[in-house]
Amino acid sequence: MQIRRFFRHGAFVIALCASSCSGANDGGTPVATPTVTISTKTAAIGSPIEMQYRFAVAADAPAVNEDYWVFVHFIDSDGELMWTDDHEPPTPVRQWKPGQTVEYTRTMFIPKFPYVGQTRVEIGLYSPGSGERLAMTGKTPGQRSYEVGAFDMRLESDDLFVIFRDGWHATEVAGEAAGLTWQWSRKDATLTFPNPKRVVELFLQLDQPVAAFSMPQQVEIKTATEAVDRFPLPPGRTELRRVKLSAGQLGTADTVELTLSVDRTFVPATLPELKINDPRELGVRVFRAFVQPI
């Protein structure tokens, strides 16, 4: 407990110092002015939100010789970092031109984080290799991090809570990324949720981090009567599927059951390059499953 208090106090001192030095920029020639439009003012834990990023590149922006990443920090009311959504922008930073406007949208899921209240969003540009950050124009608490918005986090709703029912391995947690969890599927795995008997949109975020096959896996999502989505899943790429389901496809029962199937599975222990003794049969890794009425 003493260590926790020490670090909170240290963070508070840094914040005071940084705020006294904040301004339009914090030294160096600004590369761009960042803005972010958030799709909602309040978001339930576990739900998806749309983040529209916009970088107005300065007319006198200096040349950049490497592909910087965007860091996105979500900060609680005490100034503590809760989780991140760092990513490489679709247009590499080294390709940005003076006077250009770079825009794109990302869907992000609110992690199952033990917090409710105002959440501040700060972003910046950093080098994955050196950690160096680029100067930009905007409100900053310091360290070339720029405030771009806020929203309120609230408790998740149980109305259409998705249950990982059969065919799943136990939940795993990433130690280095707060709030990041996943479950591996077997060859066939089921998801269930209460039937709202109206049109819904299914959000499914998944990947295949292991290059276990020479060809991408084929993934299928189906109801009891029909396939509603089919797609290839190559290794190393996170996929976000958004599938609209009609009331007819949901059926008349009080509970909807969806089956996620893959054409091939693998056992990590049989792959020498992985150097792990994991005897499980694995399909794909699913991070989020969320159903939203439309």
C-alpha atoms as a PDB file:
ATOM      1  CA  MET A   1       0.000   0.000   0.000  1.00  0.00           C
ATOM      2  CA  GLN A   2       2.871   2.389   0.727  1.00  0.00           C
ATOM      3  CA  ILE A   3       4.286   1.795  -2.763  1.00  0.00           C
ATOM      4  CA  ARG A   4       0.899   2.550  -4.331  1.00  0.00           C
ATOM      5  CA  ARG A   5       0.611   5.822  -2.437  1.00  0.00           C
ATOM      6  CA  PHE A   6       4.168   6.777  -3.414  1.00  0.00           C
ATOM      7  CA  PHE A   7       3.522   6.377  -7.122  1.00  0.00           C
ATOM      8  CA  ARG A   8       0.192   8.217  -6.969  1.00  0.00           C
ATOM      9  CA  HIS A   9       1.909  11.086  -5.190  1.00  0.00           C
ATOM     10  CA  GLY A  10       4.714  11.077  -7.763  1.00  0.00           C
ATOM     11  CA  ALA A  11       2.224  11.161 -10.638  1.00  0.00           C
ATOM     12  CA  PHE A  12       0.445  14.088  -8.977  1.00  0.00           C
ATOM     13  CA  VAL A  13       3.684  16.087  -8.695  1.00  0.00           C
ATOM     14  CA  ILE A  14       4.494  15.431 -12.364  1.00  0.00           C
ATOM     15  CA  ALA A  15       0.986  16.488 -13.395  1.00  0.00           C
ATOM     16  CA  LEU A  16       1.326  19.776 -11.485  1.00  0.00           C
ATOM     17  CA  CYS A  17       4.627  20.520 -13.146  1.00  0.00           C
ATOM     18  CA  ALA A  18       3.384  19.605 -16.586  1.00  0.00           C
ATOM     19  CA  SER A  19       0.223  21.670 -16.328  1.00  0.00           C
ATOM     20  CA  SER A  20       2.250  24.751 -15.455  1.00  0.00           C
ATOM     21  CA  CYS A  21       4.213  24.246 -18.702  1.00  0.00           C
ATOM     22  CA  SER A  22       1.297  23.384 -21.011  1.00  0.00           C
ATOM     23  CA  GLY A  23       0.400  25.476 -24.007  1.00  0.00           C
ATOM     24  CA  ALA A  24      -0.073  25.421 -27.754  1.00  0.00           C
ATOM     25  CA  ASN A  25       3.018  23.211 -28.120  1.00  0.00           C
ATOM     26  CA  ASP A  26       5.873  22.031 -25.923  1.00  0.00           C
ATOM     27  CA  GLY A  27       8.988  22.739 -27.948  1.00  0.00           C
ATOM     28  CA  GLY A  28      10.007  21.609 -31.405  1.00  0.00           C
ATOM     29  CA  THR A  29       8.211  22.287 -34.659  1.00  0.00           C
ATOM     30  CA  PRO A  30       4.679  20.822 -34.469  1.00  0.00           C
ATOM     31  CA  VAL A  31       3.958  18.080 -36.987  1.00  0.00           C
ATOM     32  CA  ALA A  32       0.157  18.330 -36.861  1.00  0.00           C
ATOM     33  CA  THR A  33      -2.909  19.352 -34.889  1.00  0.00           C
ATOM     34  CA  PRO A  34      -4.810  16.280 -33.632  1.00  0.00           C
ATOM     35  CA  THR A  35      -8.549  16.007 -32.975  1.00  0.00           C
ATOM     36  CA  VAL A  36     -10.693  12.994 -32.105  1.00  0.00           C
ATOM     37  CA  THR A  37     -14.464  12.656 -32.413  1.00  0.00           C
ATOM     38  CA  ILE A  38     -15.927  10.071 -30.038  1.00  0.00           C
ATOM     39  CA  SER A  39     -19.220   8.466 -31.069  1.00  0.00           C
ATOM     40  CA  THR A  40     -20.825   8.701 -27.628  1.00  0.00           C
ATOM     41  CA  LYS A  41     -20.730  10.765 -24.450  1.00  0.00           C
ATOM     42  CA  THR A  42     -21.334   7.724 -22.247  1.00  0.00           C
ATOM     43  CA  ALA A  43     -20.155   4.152 -22.833  1.00  0.00           C
ATOM     44  CA  ALA A  44     -20.862   0.940 -20.969  1.00  0.00           C
ATOM     45  CA  ILE A  45     -17.997  -1.280 -19.899  1.00  0.00           C
ATOM     46  CA  GLY A  46     -17.462  -3.875 -22.629  1.00  0.00           C
ATOM     47  CA  SER A  47     -19.229  -1.880 -25.350  1.00  0.00           C
ATOM     48  CA  PRO A  48     -17.742  -0.637 -28.662  1.00  0.00           C
ATOM     49  CA  ILE A  49     -17.191   3.039 -29.430  1.00  0.00           C
ATOM     50  CA  GLU A  50     -16.158   4.709 -32.674  1.00  0.00           C
ATOM     51  CA  MET A  51     -13.084   6.943 -32.552  1.00  0.00           C
ATOM     52  CA  GLN A  52     -12.631   9.229 -35.550  1.00  0.00           C
ATOM     53  CA  TYR A  53      -9.049  10.508 -35.713  1.00  0.00           C
ATOM     54  CA  ARG A  54      -8.034  13.638 -37.610  1.00  0.00           C
ATOM     55  CA  PHE A  55      -4.516  15.023 -37.992  1.00  0.00           C
ATOM     56  CA  ALA A  56      -4.212  18.391 -39.730  1.00  0.00           C
ATOM     57  CA  VAL A  57      -0.579  18.328 -40.853  1.00  0.00           C
ATOM     58  CA  ALA A  58       1.142  21.682 -40.373  1.00  0.00           C
ATOM     59  CA  ALA A  59       2.093  23.695 -43.464  1.00  0.00           C
ATOM     60  CA  ASP A  60       5.688  23.792 -42.174  1.00  0.00           C
ATOM     61  CA  ALA A  61       5.733  20.245 -40.777  1.00  0.00           C
ATOM     62  CA  PRO A  62       9.253  18.815 -40.611  1.00  0.00           C
ATOM     63  CA  ALA A  63      10.099  15.676 -42.570  1.00  0.00           C
ATOM     64  CA  VAL A  64       9.683  12.435 -40.619  1.00  0.00           C
ATOM     65  CA  ASN A  65      11.999   9.558 -41.451  1.00  0.00           C
ATOM     66  CA  GLU A  66      10.261   6.677 -39.701  1.00  0.00           C
ATOM     67  CA  ASP A  67       6.746   5.384 -39.199  1.00  0.00           C
ATOM     68  CA  TYR A  68       5.630   6.720 -35.847  1.00  0.00           C
ATOM     69  CA  TRP A  69       2.655   5.130 -34.083  1.00  0.00           C
ATOM     70  CA  VAL A  70      -0.307   6.860 -32.474  1.00  0.00           C
ATOM     71  CA  PHE A  71      -0.554   6.307 -28.740  1.00  0.00           C
ATOM     72  CA  VAL A  72      -4.029   6.629 -27.228  1.00  0.00           C
ATOM     73  CA  HIS A  73      -4.269   6.827 -23.438  1.00  0.00           C
ATOM     74  CA  PHE A  74      -7.475   6.517 -21.424  1.00  0.00           C
ATOM     75  CA  ILE A  75      -7.096   8.244 -18.079  1.00  0.00           C
ATOM     76  CA  ASP A  76      -9.340   8.199 -15.009  1.00  0.00           C
ATOM     77  CA  SER A  77     -10.468  11.145 -12.863  1.00  0.00           C
ATOM     78  CA  ASP A  78      -7.379  10.760 -10.644  1.00  0.00           C
ATOM     79  CA  GLY A  79      -5.037  11.148 -13.606  1.00  0.00           C
ATOM     80  CA  GLU A  80      -4.126   7.436 -13.685  1.00  0.00           C
ATOM     81  CA  LEU A  81      -3.616   5.589 -16.955  1.00  0.00           C
ATOM     82  CA  MET A  82      -6.197   2.768 -17.277  1.00  0.00           C
ATOM     83  CA  TRP A  83      -5.603   1.297 -20.732  1.00  0.00           C
ATOM     84  CA  THR A  84      -4.279   2.158 -24.181  1.00  0.00           C
ATOM     85  CA  ASP A  85      -5.227   1.696 -27.838  1.00  0.00           C
ATOM     86  CA  ASP A  86      -1.854   2.332 -29.501  1.00  0.00           C
ATOM     87  CA  HIS A  87      -1.874   1.700 -33.237  1.00  0.00           C
ATOM     88  CA  GLU A  88      -0.200   2.382 -36.552  1.00  0.00           C
ATOM     89  CA  PRO A  89      -2.261   4.859 -38.607  1.00  0.00           C
ATOM     90  CA  PRO A  90      -3.502   3.607 -42.010  1.00  0.00           C
ATOM     91  CA  THR A  91      -1.422   6.285 -43.750  1.00  0.00           C
ATOM     92  CA  PRO A  92       2.133   5.933 -42.398  1.00  0.00           C
ATOM     93  CA  VAL A  93       3.408   9.084 -40.701  1.00  0.00           C
ATOM     94  CA  ARG A  94       6.456   9.291 -42.959  1.00  0.00           C
ATOM     95  CA  GLN A  95       4.041   9.736 -45.892  1.00  0.00           C
ATOM     96  CA  TRP A  96       2.215  12.711 -44.336  1.00  0.00           C
ATOM     97  CA  LYS A  97       2.573  15.860 -46.408  1.00  0.00           C
ATOM     98  CA  PRO A  98       2.543  19.516 -45.228  1.00  0.00           C
ATOM     99  CA  GLY A  99      -1.002  20.878 -45.369  1.00  0.00           C
ATOM    100  CA  GLN A 100      -2.552  17.395 -45.676  1.00  0.00           C
ATOM    101  CA  THR A 101      -5.438  16.178 -43.497  1.00  0.00           C
ATOM    102  CA  VAL A 102      -5.209  12.548 -42.387  1.00  0.00           C
ATOM    103  CA  GLU A 103      -8.484  11.003 -41.188  1.00  0.00           C
ATOM    104  CA  TYR A 104      -9.573   7.497 -40.232  1.00  0.00           C
ATOM    105  CA  THR A 105     -11.916   5.705 -37.834  1.00  0.00           C
ATOM    106  CA  ARG A 106     -11.262   2.870 -35.394  1.00  0.00           C
ATOM    107  CA  THR A 107     -13.733   0.838 -33.369  1.00  0.00           C
ATOM    108  CA  MET A 108     -12.517   0.326 -29.814  1.00  0.00           C
ATOM    109  CA  PHE A 109     -14.050  -1.788 -27.075  1.00  0.00           C
ATOM    110  CA  ILE A 110     -14.181  -0.496 -23.514  1.00  0.00           C
ATOM    111  CA  PRO A 111     -12.208  -3.076 -21.501  1.00  0.00           C
ATOM    112  CA  LYS A 112     -13.776  -4.759 -18.498  1.00  0.00           C
ATOM    113  CA  PHE A 113     -12.037  -2.292 -16.236  1.00  0.00           C
ATOM    114  CA  PRO A 114     -13.141  -1.675 -12.611  1.00  0.00           C
ATOM    115  CA  TYR A 115     -13.997   1.998 -13.013  1.00  0.00           C
ATOM    116  CA  VAL A 116     -16.975   4.273 -13.652  1.00  0.00           C
ATOM    117  CA  GLY A 117     -16.753   8.014 -14.213  1.00  0.00           C
ATOM    118  CA  GLN A 118     -15.168  10.524 -16.561  1.00  0.00           C
ATOM    119  CA  THR A 119     -12.477   9.134 -18.833  1.00  0.00           C
ATOM    120  CA  ARG A 120     -10.035  11.540 -20.478  1.00  0.00           C
ATOM    121  CA  VAL A 121      -8.468  10.684 -23.837  1.00  0.00           C
ATOM    122  CA  GLU A 122      -4.930  11.789 -24.678  1.00  0.00           C
ATOM    123  CA  ILE A 123      -3.016  10.985 -27.848  1.00  0.00           C
ATOM    124  CA  GLY A 124       0.393  11.557 -29.386  1.00  0.00           C
ATOM    125  CA  LEU A 125       2.898  10.222 -31.889  1.00  0.00           C
ATOM    126  CA  TYR A 126       5.794   8.044 -30.750  1.00  0.00           C
ATOM    127  CA  SER A 127       8.610   5.951 -32.173  1.00  0.00           C
ATOM    128  CA  PRO A 128       8.137   2.223 -31.370  1.00  0.00           C
ATOM    129  CA  GLY A 129      11.919   1.856 -31.427  1.00  0.00           C
ATOM    130  CA  SER A 130      13.210   4.769 -29.368  1.00  0.00           C
ATOM    131  CA  GLY A 131      10.052   5.969 -27.624  1.00  0.00           C
ATOM    132  CA  GLU A 132      10.667   9.513 -28.901  1.00  0.00           C
ATOM    133  CA  ARG A 133       7.499  11.603 -29.208  1.00  0.00           C
ATOM    134  CA  LEU A 134       6.789  14.218 -31.858  1.00  0.00           C
ATOM    135  CA  ALA A 135       5.602  17.706 -31.025  1.00  0.00           C
ATOM    136  CA  MET A 136       2.079  18.639 -32.075  1.00  0.00           C
ATOM    137  CA  THR A 137      -0.260  21.589 -31.517  1.00  0.00           C
ATOM    138  CA  GLY A 138      -2.962  21.342 -28.865  1.00  0.00           C
ATOM    139  CA  LYS A 139      -3.767  21.299 -25.169  1.00  0.00           C
ATOM    140  CA  THR A 140      -1.116  19.250 -23.415  1.00  0.00           C
ATOM    141  CA  PRO A 141      -0.396  18.267 -19.807  1.00  0.00           C
ATOM    142  CA  GLY A 142       3.213  17.763 -20.913  1.00  0.00           C
ATOM    143  CA  GLN A 143       5.440  15.045 -22.321  1.00  0.00           C
ATOM    144  CA  ARG A 144       3.971  15.617 -25.807  1.00  0.00           C
ATOM    145  CA  SER A 145       0.645  14.040 -24.903  1.00  0.00           C
ATOM    146  CA  TYR A 146      -2.431  15.941 -26.139  1.00  0.00           C
ATOM    147  CA  GLU A 147      -5.940  16.049 -24.691  1.00  0.00           C
ATOM    148  CA  VAL A 148      -8.531  15.377 -27.393  1.00  0.00           C
ATOM    149  CA  GLY A 149     -11.764  14.450 -25.605  1.00  0.00           C
ATOM    150  CA  ALA A 150     -13.572  12.664 -22.809  1.00  0.00           C
ATOM    151  CA  PHE A 151     -16.542  10.394 -22.148  1.00  0.00           C
ATOM    152  CA  ASP A 152     -18.224   8.845 -19.128  1.00  0.00           C
ATOM    153  CA  MET A 153     -17.785   5.157 -18.398  1.00  0.00           C
ATOM    154  CA  ARG A 154     -20.750   3.375 -16.833  1.00  0.00           C
ATOM    155  CA  LEU A 155     -21.520  -0.141 -15.687  1.00  0.00           C
ATOM    156  CA  GLU A 156     -22.170  -2.673 -18.423  1.00  0.00           C
ATOM    157  CA  SER A 157     -25.766  -3.561 -19.212  1.00  0.00           C
ATOM    158  CA  ASP A 158     -26.987  -7.126 -18.782  1.00  0.00           C
ATOM    159  CA  ASP A 159     -29.740  -6.708 -21.391  1.00  0.00           C
ATOM    160  CA  LEU A 160     -27.917  -8.487 -24.223  1.00  0.00           C
ATOM    161  CA  PHE A 161     -24.968  -9.908 -22.315  1.00  0.00           C
ATOM    162  CA  VAL A 162     -23.100 -12.407 -24.509  1.00  0.00           C
ATOM    163  CA  ILE A 163     -22.107 -15.701 -22.873  1.00  0.00           C
ATOM    164  CA  PHE A 164     -19.207 -17.822 -24.140  1.00  0.00           C
ATOM    165  CA  ARG A 165     -20.985 -21.109 -23.592  1.00  0.00           C
ATOM    166  CA  ASP A 166     -19.570 -24.339 -25.070  1.00  0.00           C
ATOM    167  CA  GLY A 167     -16.332 -24.981 -26.948  1.00  0.00           C
ATOM    168  CA  TRP A 168     -14.185 -22.329 -25.268  1.00  0.00           C
ATOM    169  CA  HIS A 169     -11.009 -22.484 -23.221  1.00  0.00           C
ATOM    170  CA  ALA A 170     -10.644 -20.460 -20.015  1.00  0.00           C
ATOM    171  CA  THR A 171     -10.270 -16.674 -20.126  1.00  0.00           C
ATOM    172  CA  GLU A 172      -6.692 -15.398 -20.381  1.00  0.00           C
ATOM    173  CA  VAL A 173      -5.361 -11.990 -19.397  1.00  0.00           C
ATOM    174  CA  ALA A 174      -2.472 -10.005 -20.902  1.00  0.00           C
ATOM    175  CA  GLY A 175      -0.136  -8.928 -18.141  1.00  0.00           C
ATOM    176  CA  GLU A 176       1.287  -5.973 -20.074  1.00  0.00           C
ATOM    177  CA  ALA A 177      -2.025  -4.481 -21.252  1.00  0.00           C
ATOM    178  CA  ALA A 178      -4.610  -3.612 -18.614  1.00  0.00           C
ATOM    179  CA  GLY A 179      -8.109  -4.746 -19.483  1.00  0.00           C
ATOM    180  CA  LEU A 180      -7.069  -7.009 -22.394  1.00  0.00           C
ATOM    181  CA  THR A 181      -8.594 -10.489 -22.145  1.00  0.00           C
ATOM    182  CA  TRP A 182      -9.416 -13.270 -24.603  1.00  0.00           C
ATOM    183  CA  GLN A 183     -10.668 -16.810 -24.961  1.00  0.00           C
ATOM    184  CA  TRP A 184      -9.450 -19.427 -27.424  1.00  0.00           C
ATOM    185  CA  SER A 185     -12.087 -21.379 -29.281  1.00  0.00           C
ATOM    186  CA  ARG A 186     -12.030 -25.039 -30.163  1.00  0.00           C
ATOM    187  CA  LYS A 187     -13.125 -26.138 -33.650  1.00  0.00           C
ATOM    188  CA  ASP A 188     -16.742 -25.249 -32.831  1.00  0.00           C
ATOM    189  CA  ALA A 189     -17.755 -22.821 -30.087  1.00  0.00           C
ATOM    190  CA  THR A 190     -21.101 -21.288 -29.147  1.00  0.00           C
ATOM    191  CA  LEU A 191     -22.155 -17.812 -28.066  1.00  0.00           C
ATOM    192  CA  THR A 192     -25.556 -17.101 -26.531  1.00  0.00           C
ATOM    193  CA  PHE A 193     -27.484 -13.943 -25.659  1.00  0.00           C
ATOM    194  CA  PRO A 194     -31.091 -12.969 -24.815  1.00  0.00           C
ATOM    195  CA  ASN A 195     -33.280 -12.580 -27.897  1.00  0.00           C
ATOM    196  CA  PRO A 196     -34.509  -8.967 -28.284  1.00  0.00           C
ATOM    197  CA  LYS A 197     -36.644 -10.090 -31.272  1.00  0.00           C
ATOM    198  CA  ARG A 198     -35.508  -7.118 -33.327  1.00  0.00           C
ATOM    199  CA  VAL A 199     -32.583  -6.266 -35.600  1.00  0.00           C
ATOM    200  CA  VAL A 200     -29.192  -6.364 -33.883  1.00  0.00           C
ATOM    201  CA  GLU A 201     -25.546  -5.942 -34.838  1.00  0.00           C
ATOM    202  CA  LEU A 202     -22.981  -8.488 -33.677  1.00  0.00           C
ATOM    203  CA  PHE A 203     -19.451  -7.198 -33.038  1.00  0.00           C
ATOM    204  CA  LEU A 204     -16.794  -9.900 -32.940  1.00  0.00           C
ATOM    205  CA  GLN A 205     -13.102  -9.057 -32.481  1.00  0.00           C
ATOM    206  CA  LEU A 206     -10.688 -11.942 -33.054  1.00  0.00           C
ATOM    207  CA  ASP A 207      -7.305 -12.945 -34.403  1.00  0.00           C
ATOM    208  CA  GLN A 208      -4.938 -15.822 -35.074  1.00  0.00           C
ATOM    209  CA  PRO A 209      -1.550 -14.868 -33.600  1.00  0.00           C
ATOM    210  CA  VAL A 210       0.171 -18.148 -34.576  1.00  0.00           C
ATOM    211  CA  ALA A 211       1.354 -18.888 -38.118  1.00  0.00           C
ATOM    212  CA  ALA A 212       0.281 -22.515 -37.794  1.00  0.00           C
ATOM    213  CA  PHE A 213      -1.041 -22.990 -41.333  1.00  0.00           C
ATOM    214  CA  SER A 214       0.177 -22.305 -44.851  1.00  0.00           C
ATOM    215  CA  MET A 215      -3.205 -20.777 -45.738  1.00  0.00           C
ATOM    216  CA  PRO A 216      -5.578 -18.538 -43.743  1.00  0.00           C
ATOM    217  CA  GLN A 217      -8.150 -20.276 -41.584  1.00  0.00           C
ATOM    218  CA  GLN A 218     -11.721 -20.140 -42.800  1.00  0.00           C
ATOM    219  CA  VAL A 219     -14.136 -18.906 -40.126  1.00  0.00           C
ATOM    220  CA  GLU A 220     -17.913 -19.247 -40.176  1.00  0.00           C
ATOM    221  CA  ILE A 221     -20.583 -17.783 -37.903  1.00  0.00           C
ATOM    222  CA  LYS A 222     -23.994 -19.417 -38.085  1.00  0.00           C
ATOM    223  CA  THR A 223     -27.361 -19.573 -36.402  1.00  0.00           C
ATOM    224  CA  ALA A 224     -29.259 -22.823 -35.980  1.00  0.00           C
ATOM    225  CA  THR A 225     -30.522 -22.552 -39.575  1.00  0.00           C
ATOM    226  CA  GLU A 226     -27.998 -20.572 -41.660  1.00  0.00           C
ATOM    227  CA  ALA A 227     -24.507 -19.135 -41.975  1.00  0.00           C
ATOM    228  CA  VAL A 228     -24.516 -15.363 -41.374  1.00  0.00           C
ATOM    229  CA  ASP A 229     -20.820 -14.631 -41.982  1.00  0.00           C
ATOM    230  CA  ARG A 230     -17.841 -16.392 -43.587  1.00  0.00           C
ATOM    231  CA  PHE A 231     -14.327 -14.984 -43.889  1.00  0.00           C
ATOM    232  CA  PRO A 232     -10.624 -15.931 -44.090  1.00  0.00           C
ATOM    233  CA  LEU A 233      -8.455 -15.151 -41.062  1.00  0.00           C
ATOM    234  CA  PRO A 234      -4.733 -14.839 -41.860  1.00  0.00           C
ATOM    235  CA  PRO A 235      -2.233 -14.961 -38.987  1.00  0.00           C
ATOM    236  CA  GLY A 236      -1.065 -11.751 -37.344  1.00  0.00           C
ATOM    237  CA  ARG A 237      -4.065  -9.546 -38.149  1.00  0.00           C
ATOM    238  CA  THR A 238      -6.840  -8.592 -35.738  1.00  0.00           C
ATOM    239  CA  GLU A 239     -10.234  -8.772 -37.406  1.00  0.00           C
ATOM    240  CA  LEU A 240     -13.384  -6.919 -36.347  1.00  0.00           C
ATOM    241  CA  ARG A 241     -16.528  -8.445 -37.825  1.00  0.00           C
ATOM    242  CA  ARG A 242     -19.785  -6.504 -37.755  1.00  0.00           C
ATOM    243  CA  VAL A 243     -22.756  -8.666 -38.681  1.00  0.00           C
ATOM    244  CA  LYS A 244     -26.361  -7.429 -38.827  1.00  0.00           C
ATOM    245  CA  LEU A 245     -28.942 -10.040 -37.836  1.00  0.00           C
ATOM    246  CA  SER A 246     -32.635  -9.661 -38.595  1.00  0.00           C
ATOM    247  CA  ALA A 247     -35.392 -10.620 -36.171  1.00  0.00           C
ATOM    248  CA  GLY A 248     -36.120 -13.592 -38.415  1.00  0.00           C
ATOM    249  CA  GLN A 249     -32.536 -14.824 -38.193  1.00  0.00           C
ATOM    250  CA  LEU A 250     -32.666 -14.592 -34.394  1.00  0.00           C
ATOM    251  CA  GLY A 251     -35.671 -16.911 -34.289  1.00  0.00           C
ATOM    252  CA  THR A 252     -38.517 -17.007 -31.794  1.00  0.00           C
ATOM    253  CA  ALA A 253     -36.817 -18.581 -28.765  1.00  0.00           C
ATOM    254  CA  ASP A 254     -35.952 -16.444 -25.742  1.00  0.00           C
ATOM    255  CA  THR A 255     -32.225 -17.124 -26.233  1.00  0.00           C
ATOM    256  CA  VAL A 256     -30.163 -16.870 -29.421  1.00  0.00           C
ATOM    257  CA  GLU A 257     -27.313 -19.315 -30.020  1.00  0.00           C
ATOM    258  CA  LEU A 258     -24.562 -18.626 -32.538  1.00  0.00           C
ATOM    259  CA  THR A 259     -21.840 -21.093 -33.482  1.00  0.00           C
ATOM    260  CA  LEU A 260     -18.346 -19.978 -34.457  1.00  0.00           C
ATOM    261  CA  SER A 261     -16.538 -22.662 -36.478  1.00  0.00           C
ATOM    262  CA  VAL A 262     -13.064 -22.920 -38.027  1.00  0.00           C
ATOM    263  CA  ASP A 263     -11.949 -25.302 -40.735  1.00  0.00           C
ATOM    264  CA  ARG A 264      -8.674 -26.120 -38.957  1.00  0.00           C
ATOM    265  CA  THR A 265      -7.312 -26.175 -35.414  1.00  0.00           C
ATOM    266  CA  PHE A 266      -3.805 -26.671 -34.046  1.00  0.00           C
ATOM    267  CA  VAL A 267      -2.057 -27.884 -30.885  1.00  0.00           C
ATOM    268  CA  PRO A 268       0.773 -25.567 -29.735  1.00  0.00           C
ATOM    269  CA  ALA A 269       2.779 -28.439 -28.240  1.00  0.00           C
ATOM    270  CA  THR A 270       3.160 -29.967 -31.717  1.00  0.00           C
ATOM    271  CA  LEU A 271       4.770 -26.817 -33.156  1.00  0.00           C
ATOM    272  CA  PRO A 272       8.499 -26.854 -32.207  1.00  0.00           C
ATOM    273  CA  GLU A 273       8.965 -23.184 -33.082  1.00  0.00           C
ATOM    274  CA  LEU A 274       6.586 -22.142 -30.282  1.00  0.00           C
ATOM    275  CA  LYS A 275       8.656 -23.911 -27.601  1.00  0.00           C
ATOM    276  CA  ILE A 276       5.669 -24.364 -25.273  1.00  0.00           C
ATOM    277  CA  ASN A 277       4.048 -27.478 -23.860  1.00  0.00           C
ATOM    278  CA  ASP A 278       0.419 -26.527 -24.446  1.00  0.00           C
ATOM    279  CA  PRO A 279      -1.696 -29.598 -25.337  1.00  0.00           C
ATOM    280  CA  ARG A 280      -4.921 -27.685 -26.043  1.00  0.00           C
ATOM    281  CA  GLU A 281      -6.687 -27.798 -29.381  1.00  0.00           C
ATOM    282  CA  LEU A 282      -6.968 -24.159 -30.483  1.00  0.00           C
ATOM    283  CA  GLY A 283      -9.072 -22.506 -33.137  1.00  0.00           C
ATOM    284  CA  VAL A 284      -9.082 -18.689 -33.011  1.00  0.00           C
ATOM    285  CA  ARG A 285      -8.563 -16.127 -30.261  1.00  0.00           C
ATOM    286  CA  VAL A 286     -11.635 -14.008 -29.491  1.00  0.00           C
ATOM    287  CA  PHE A 287     -11.239 -10.724 -27.599  1.00  0.00           C
ATOM    288  CA  ARG A 288     -14.768  -9.315 -27.674  1.00  0.00           C
ATOM    289  CA  ALA A 289     -18.280 -10.426 -28.536  1.00  0.00           C
ATOM    290  CA  PHE A 290     -20.959  -7.765 -28.214  1.00  0.00           C
ATOM    291  CA  VAL A 291     -24.545  -7.531 -29.443  1.00  0.00           C
ATOM    292  CA  GLN A 292     -26.199  -4.134 -29.963  1.00  0.00           C
ATOM    293  CA  PRO A 293     -29.852  -3.599 -30.878  1.00  0.00           C
ATOM    294  CA  ILE A 294     -30.369  -1.308 -33.869  1.00  0.00           C
END
